[in-house]
Protein backbone atom coordinates (compact mmCIF):
# COMPACT_ATOMS: atom_id res chain seq x y z
CA ILE A 1 12.82 -12.27 2.16
CA HIS A 2 12.54 -11.91 -1.63
CA GLY A 3 11.99 -8.34 -2.83
CA GLY A 4 8.98 -9.35 -4.94
CA SER A 5 7.27 -10.75 -1.84
CA ILE A 6 7.88 -7.50 0.02
CA MET A 7 6.53 -5.50 -2.93
CA SER A 8 3.37 -7.64 -3.05
CA ALA A 9 2.77 -7.12 0.67
CA MET A 10 3.32 -3.39 0.29
CA ASP A 11 0.99 -3.15 -2.74
CA PHE A 12 -1.75 -4.92 -0.77
CA THR A 13 -1.21 -2.64 2.24
CA LEU A 14 -1.17 0.51 0.09
CA SER A 15 -4.41 -0.48 -1.67
CA ALA A 16 -6.06 -1.18 1.71
CA ALA A 17 -5.03 2.30 2.88
CA ALA A 18 -6.38 3.80 -0.35
CA ARG A 19 -9.84 2.40 0.21
CA ALA A 20 -9.90 2.45 4.03
CA HIS A 21 -12.45 5.27 4.28
CA ASP A 22 -15.12 3.03 2.64
CA PRO A 23 -13.78 -0.53 2.16
CA LEU A 24 -17.17 -2.13 1.47
CA LYS A 25 -17.97 0.19 -1.44
CA LEU A 26 -14.57 0.84 -3.07
CA GLY A 27 -11.90 -1.14 -4.83
CA ALA A 28 -8.44 0.21 -5.66
CA ILE A 29 -6.46 -0.36 -8.86
CA THR A 30 -2.70 0.24 -8.71
CA ILE A 31 -1.79 2.97 -11.23
CA ASP A 32 1.81 3.52 -10.14
CA MET A 33 4.04 2.13 -7.39
CA THR A 34 7.64 2.91 -6.54
CA THR A 35 9.58 0.81 -4.04
CA HIS A 36 12.92 1.51 -2.41
CA PHE A 37 14.91 -1.20 -0.59
CA TYR A 38 17.20 -0.06 2.23
CA ALA A 39 18.34 -3.23 4.00
CA PRO A 40 18.07 -7.01 3.73
CA ALA A 41 14.85 -8.41 5.22
CA ARG A 42 15.83 -11.38 7.37
CA THR A 43 13.11 -11.41 10.03
CA THR A 44 9.34 -11.07 10.25
CA LEU A 45 8.19 -7.79 8.67
CA THR A 46 5.46 -5.39 9.65
CA VAL A 47 4.05 -3.28 6.81
CA GLU A 48 2.16 -0.08 7.61
CA GLY A 49 0.45 2.08 5.00
CA ARG A 50 -1.31 5.42 5.05
CA CYS A 51 -3.31 7.45 2.59
CA THR A 52 -1.61 10.83 2.24
CA GLY A 53 -4.09 12.36 -0.21
CA ARG A 54 -7.33 11.49 -1.89
CA GLY A 55 -9.54 12.94 -4.58
CA ARG A 56 -12.86 11.68 -5.95
CA SER A 57 -11.25 8.90 -7.98
CA MET A 58 -7.54 8.80 -7.03
CA ALA A 59 -5.67 8.05 -3.81
CA PHE A 60 -2.00 8.63 -2.96
CA CYS A 61 -0.42 6.38 -0.34
CA ASP A 62 2.90 5.66 1.42
CA ALA A 63 4.07 2.50 3.21
CA GLU A 64 7.05 1.21 5.18
CA ALA A 65 8.17 -2.34 5.90
CA ARG A 66 9.99 -2.74 9.23
CA ASP A 67 11.84 -5.76 10.55
CA ALA A 68 11.56 -7.20 14.07
CA ASN A 69 14.06 -4.59 15.32
CA GLY A 70 12.03 -1.70 13.90
CA THR A 71 14.48 -0.99 11.09
CA VAL A 72 12.87 0.24 7.87
CA VAL A 73 13.95 -2.26 5.21
CA ALA A 74 11.75 -0.92 2.39
CA ALA A 75 9.44 1.98 1.59
CA ALA A 76 6.88 2.41 -1.17
CA ARG A 77 4.66 5.10 -2.65
CA GLY A 78 1.62 4.30 -4.75
CA VAL A 79 -1.17 5.93 -6.73
CA PHE A 80 -4.51 4.13 -6.92
CA LYS A 81 -7.66 4.57 -8.99
CA LEU A 82 -10.71 4.17 -6.79
CA VAL A 83 -13.55 2.19 -8.37
CA ALA A 84 -17.05 1.49 -7.10
CA LEU A 85 -17.69 -2.15 -6.30
CA ALA A 86 -20.74 -3.77 -7.93
CA GLY A 87 -23.95 -2.19 -6.65
CA SER A 88 -22.33 0.83 -4.99
CA LYS A 89 -21.28 4.39 -5.83
CA PRO A 90 -18.02 6.06 -4.67
């Protein structure tokens, strides 16, 4: 699987984790993302993300992509700016 595809999936997962506490009111803008690749991705991947810290307007998140055997093939860390969606307040 192409690295850019893995990074896109991880960015989406990280942003979902960043806004998970109120997904209908918040959007998340990627401020910084670092990705590390550990092994070739040759099977279906499962990406799991978690928010490790959050302030009023920033969220810090980690994610891992695992192959069908459970091997971590990539990991990412991201920082997201939380923004209120139209008609809501964070």
